[in-house]
C-alpha atoms as a PDB file:
ATOM      1  CA  MET A   1      52.303 139.953  35.258  1.00  0.00           C
ATOM      2  CA  SER A   2      50.151 138.377  32.580  1.00  0.00           C
ATOM      3  CA  PHE A   3      46.649 138.670  34.000  1.00  0.00           C
ATOM      4  CA  HIS A   4      43.603 139.711  32.050  1.00  0.00           C
ATOM      5  CA  VAL A   5      40.452 141.309  33.381  1.00  0.00           C
ATOM      6  CA  ILE A   6      36.996 140.577  32.025  1.00  0.00           C
ATOM      7  CA  GLU A   7      34.623 143.525  32.316  1.00  0.00           C
ATOM      8  CA  LEU A   8      30.908 143.593  31.616  1.00  0.00           C
ATOM      9  CA  LYS A   9      29.842 146.971  30.231  1.00  0.00           C
ATOM     10  CA  LYS A  10      26.423 147.816  28.830  1.00  0.00           C
ATOM     11  CA  GLY A  11      25.667 144.223  27.902  1.00  0.00           C
ATOM     12  CA  SER A  12      29.022 143.552  26.235  1.00  0.00           C
ATOM     13  CA  ILE A  13      32.169 141.830  27.420  1.00  0.00           C
ATOM     14  CA  HIS A  14      35.567 143.526  27.315  1.00  0.00           C
ATOM     15  CA  ILE A  15      38.855 141.763  27.988  1.00  0.00           C
ATOM     16  CA  ARG A  16      41.865 143.874  28.864  1.00  0.00           C
ATOM     17  CA  LYS A  17      45.294 143.403  30.346  1.00  0.00           C
ATOM     18  CA  ALA A  18      45.364 143.845  34.093  1.00  0.00           C
ATOM     19  CA  ASP A  19      47.034 146.980  35.393  1.00  0.00           C
ATOM     20  CA  TYR A  20      48.687 147.823  38.720  1.00  0.00           C
ATOM     21  CA  SER A  21      45.385 148.658  40.451  1.00  0.00           C
ATOM     22  CA  ASP A  22      43.979 145.252  39.452  1.00  0.00           C
ATOM     23  CA  LEU A  23      47.060 143.565  40.909  1.00  0.00           C
ATOM     24  CA  LYS A  24      46.691 145.566  44.141  1.00  0.00           C
ATOM     25  CA  GLU A  25      43.106 144.391  44.415  1.00  0.00           C
ATOM     26  CA  LEU A  26      44.181 140.752  43.970  1.00  0.00           C
ATOM     27  CA  VAL A  27      46.869 141.053  46.650  1.00  0.00           C
ATOM     28  CA  TYR A  28      44.402 142.684  49.067  1.00  0.00           C
ATOM     29  CA  ILE A  29      41.826 139.940  48.441  1.00  0.00           C
ATOM     30  CA  LEU A  30      44.414 137.230  49.147  1.00  0.00           C
ATOM     31  CA  VAL A  31      45.554 138.967  52.332  1.00  0.00           C
ATOM     32  CA  GLN A  32      41.952 139.076  53.570  1.00  0.00           C
ATOM     33  CA  LEU A  33      41.857 135.261  53.308  1.00  0.00           C
ATOM     34  CA  ILE A  34      44.530 134.879  56.014  1.00  0.00           C
ATOM     35  CA  PRO A  35      42.794 133.757  59.225  1.00  0.00           C
ATOM     36  CA  ILE A  36      43.452 135.376  62.600  1.00  0.00           C
ATOM     37  CA  GLY A  37      46.432 133.674  64.263  1.00  0.00           C
ATOM     38  CA  TYR A  38      48.097 132.817  60.962  1.00  0.00           C
ATOM     39  CA  GLY A  39      50.854 134.400  58.927  1.00  0.00           C
ATOM     40  CA  ILE A  40      52.040 134.067  55.357  1.00  0.00           C
ATOM     41  CA  THR A  41      55.216 135.205  53.645  1.00  0.00           C
ATOM     42  CA  TYR A  42      55.505 137.843  50.958  1.00  0.00           C
ATOM     43  CA  GLY A  43      56.929 135.025  48.825  1.00  0.00           C
ATOM     44  CA  ASP A  44      53.843 132.848  49.312  1.00  0.00           C
ATOM     45  CA  ILE A  45      51.596 135.579  47.926  1.00  0.00           C
ATOM     46  CA  ALA A  46      54.098 136.312  45.160  1.00  0.00           C
ATOM     47  CA  LYS A  47      54.172 132.640  44.163  1.00  0.00           C
ATOM     48  CA  ALA A  48      50.367 132.470  43.951  1.00  0.00           C
ATOM     49  CA  LEU A  49      50.306 135.523  41.665  1.00  0.00           C
ATOM     50  CA  LYS A  50      53.604 134.838  39.849  1.00  0.00           C
ATOM     51  CA  ILE A  51      55.053 138.211  40.826  1.00  0.00           C
ATOM     52  CA  SER A  52      58.005 139.410  42.910  1.00  0.00           C
ATOM     53  CA  PRO A  53      57.848 139.310  46.738  1.00  0.00           C
ATOM     54  CA  ARG A  54      59.161 142.888  46.683  1.00  0.00           C
ATOM     55  CA  LEU A  55      56.166 143.958  44.606  1.00  0.00           C
ATOM     56  CA  VAL A  56      53.875 142.341  47.184  1.00  0.00           C
ATOM     57  CA  GLY A  57      55.650 144.376  49.883  1.00  0.00           C
ATOM     58  CA  LYS A  58      55.319 147.589  47.861  1.00  0.00           C
ATOM     59  CA  ILE A  59      51.599 146.988  47.362  1.00  0.00           C
ATOM     60  CA  LEU A  60      51.039 146.259  51.054  1.00  0.00           C
ATOM     61  CA  MET A  61      52.944 149.414  51.991  1.00  0.00           C
ATOM     62  CA  GLU A  62      50.241 151.348  50.100  1.00  0.00           C
ATOM     63  CA  ASN A  63      47.420 149.687  52.073  1.00  0.00           C
ATOM     64  CA  THR A  64      45.175 152.431  53.478  1.00  0.00           C
ATOM     65  CA  LYS A  65      42.981 150.006  55.466  1.00  0.00           C
ATOM     66  CA  PRO A  66      45.528 148.111  57.591  1.00  0.00           C
ATOM     67  CA  ILE A  67      43.115 146.280  59.907  1.00  0.00           C
ATOM     68  CA  ILE A  68      40.448 145.537  57.288  1.00  0.00           C
ATOM     69  CA  ILE A  69      43.162 144.336  54.904  1.00  0.00           C
ATOM     70  CA  PRO A  70      45.365 142.682  57.563  1.00  0.00           C
ATOM     71  CA  CYS A  71      48.761 143.175  55.952  1.00  0.00           C
ATOM     72  CA  HIS A  72      50.399 142.702  59.368  1.00  0.00           C
ATOM     73  CA  ARG A  73      49.820 138.956  58.815  1.00  0.00           C
ATOM     74  CA  VAL A  74      52.250 139.008  55.876  1.00  0.00           C
ATOM     75  CA  ILE A  75      55.767 138.366  57.123  1.00  0.00           C
ATOM     76  CA  GLY A  76      59.258 138.034  55.751  1.00  0.00           C
ATOM     77  CA  ILE A  77      60.983 134.693  55.440  1.00  0.00           C
ATOM     78  CA  ARG A  78      63.779 135.720  57.862  1.00  0.00           C
ATOM     79  CA  SER A  79      61.933 138.250  60.034  1.00  0.00           C
ATOM     80  CA  ILE A  80      58.435 139.630  60.471  1.00  0.00           C
ATOM     81  CA  GLY A  81      59.203 142.363  57.949  1.00  0.00           C
ATOM     82  CA  GLY A  82      58.216 145.989  58.013  1.00  0.00           C
ATOM     83  CA  TYR A  83      54.889 147.635  58.718  1.00  0.00           C
ATOM     84  CA  THR A  84      53.632 151.012  57.584  1.00  0.00           C
ATOM     85  CA  VAL A  85      50.495 152.758  58.820  1.00  0.00           C
ATOM     86  CA  MET A  86      49.402 156.017  57.195  1.00  0.00           C
ATOM     87  CA  GLY A  87      52.842 156.401  55.625  1.00  0.00           C
ATOM     88  CA  LYS A  88      54.745 155.927  58.905  1.00  0.00           C
ATOM     89  CA  ARG A  89      56.822 152.954  60.031  1.00  0.00           C
ATOM     90  CA  ALA A  90      55.131 150.942  62.789  1.00  0.00           C
ATOM     91  CA  ASP A  91      57.122 147.699  63.037  1.00  0.00           C
ATOM     92  CA  GLY A  92      56.466 147.421  66.785  1.00  0.00           C
ATOM     93  CA  LEU A  93      52.719 147.575  66.161  1.00  0.00           C
ATOM     94  CA  LYS A  94      52.982 144.710  63.661  1.00  0.00           C
ATOM     95  CA  LYS A  95      54.719 142.558  66.257  1.00  0.00           C
ATOM     96  CA  LYS A  96      52.067 143.407  68.881  1.00  0.00           C
ATOM     97  CA  LEU A  97      49.172 142.649  66.516  1.00  0.00           C
ATOM     98  CA  LEU A  98      50.661 139.289  65.512  1.00  0.00           C
ATOM     99  CA  SER A  99      51.308 138.366  69.139  1.00  0.00           C
ATOM    100  CA  LEU A 100      47.809 139.387  70.202  1.00  0.00           C
ATOM    101  CA  GLU A 101      46.108 137.490  67.372  1.00  0.00           C
ATOM    102  CA  SER A 102      48.221 134.341  67.615  1.00  0.00           C
ATOM    103  CA  LYS A 103      48.533 134.249  71.409  1.00  0.00           C
ATOM    104  CA  GLY A 104      52.255 133.659  70.857  1.00  0.00           C
ATOM    105  CA  ASP A 105      51.766 130.720  68.460  1.00  0.00           C
ATOM    106  CA  LEU A 106      51.708 132.122  64.914  1.00  0.00           C
ATOM    107  CA  LYS A 107      50.819 129.400  62.417  1.00  0.00           C
ATOM    108  CA  ARG A 108      51.689 129.427  58.723  1.00  0.00           C
ATOM    109  CA  PHE A 109      48.755 129.796  56.336  1.00  0.00           C
ATOM    110  CA  ASN A 110      48.973 127.562  53.254  1.00  0.00           C
ATOM    111  CA  LEU A 111      47.594 129.914  50.599  1.00  0.00           C
ATOM    112  CA  THR A 112      48.424 127.765  47.580  1.00  0.00           C
ATOM    113  CA  GLY A 113      46.773 124.758  49.216  1.00  0.00           C
ATOM    114  CA  TYR A 114      43.743 126.865  50.127  1.00  0.00           C
ATOM    115  CA  LEU A 115      43.471 128.062  46.530  1.00  0.00           C
ATOM    116  CA  GLY A 116      44.242 124.630  45.055  1.00  0.00           C
ATOM    117  CA  ILE A 117      47.417 125.862  43.321  1.00  0.00           C
ATOM    118  CA  LYS A 118      50.169 123.311  42.753  1.00  0.00           C
END
């Protein structure tokens, strides 16, 4: 990860290297961009941020606001992937939420296109 954060403090500008909490915030912001009825892979988010798909999964596992930050819309490339709510596995709930939102026709969200990333 080679991100930098610009902070405004007391009229001055500070630039620092991004830390894990900054990266979590970025992942959560990107996940909130996914429209209802759409899904995106862990790899798609990882590609946009130039990080590992596993790190995306780890960050989403720590999500304490699972409906507000709709991490259930992030799926694996071969399966829907896991789902954790309040520290407990809830894979069946993820499947139900996706089915309910997509009405059985889950579309793929093009994050890099949305963000204008090539």
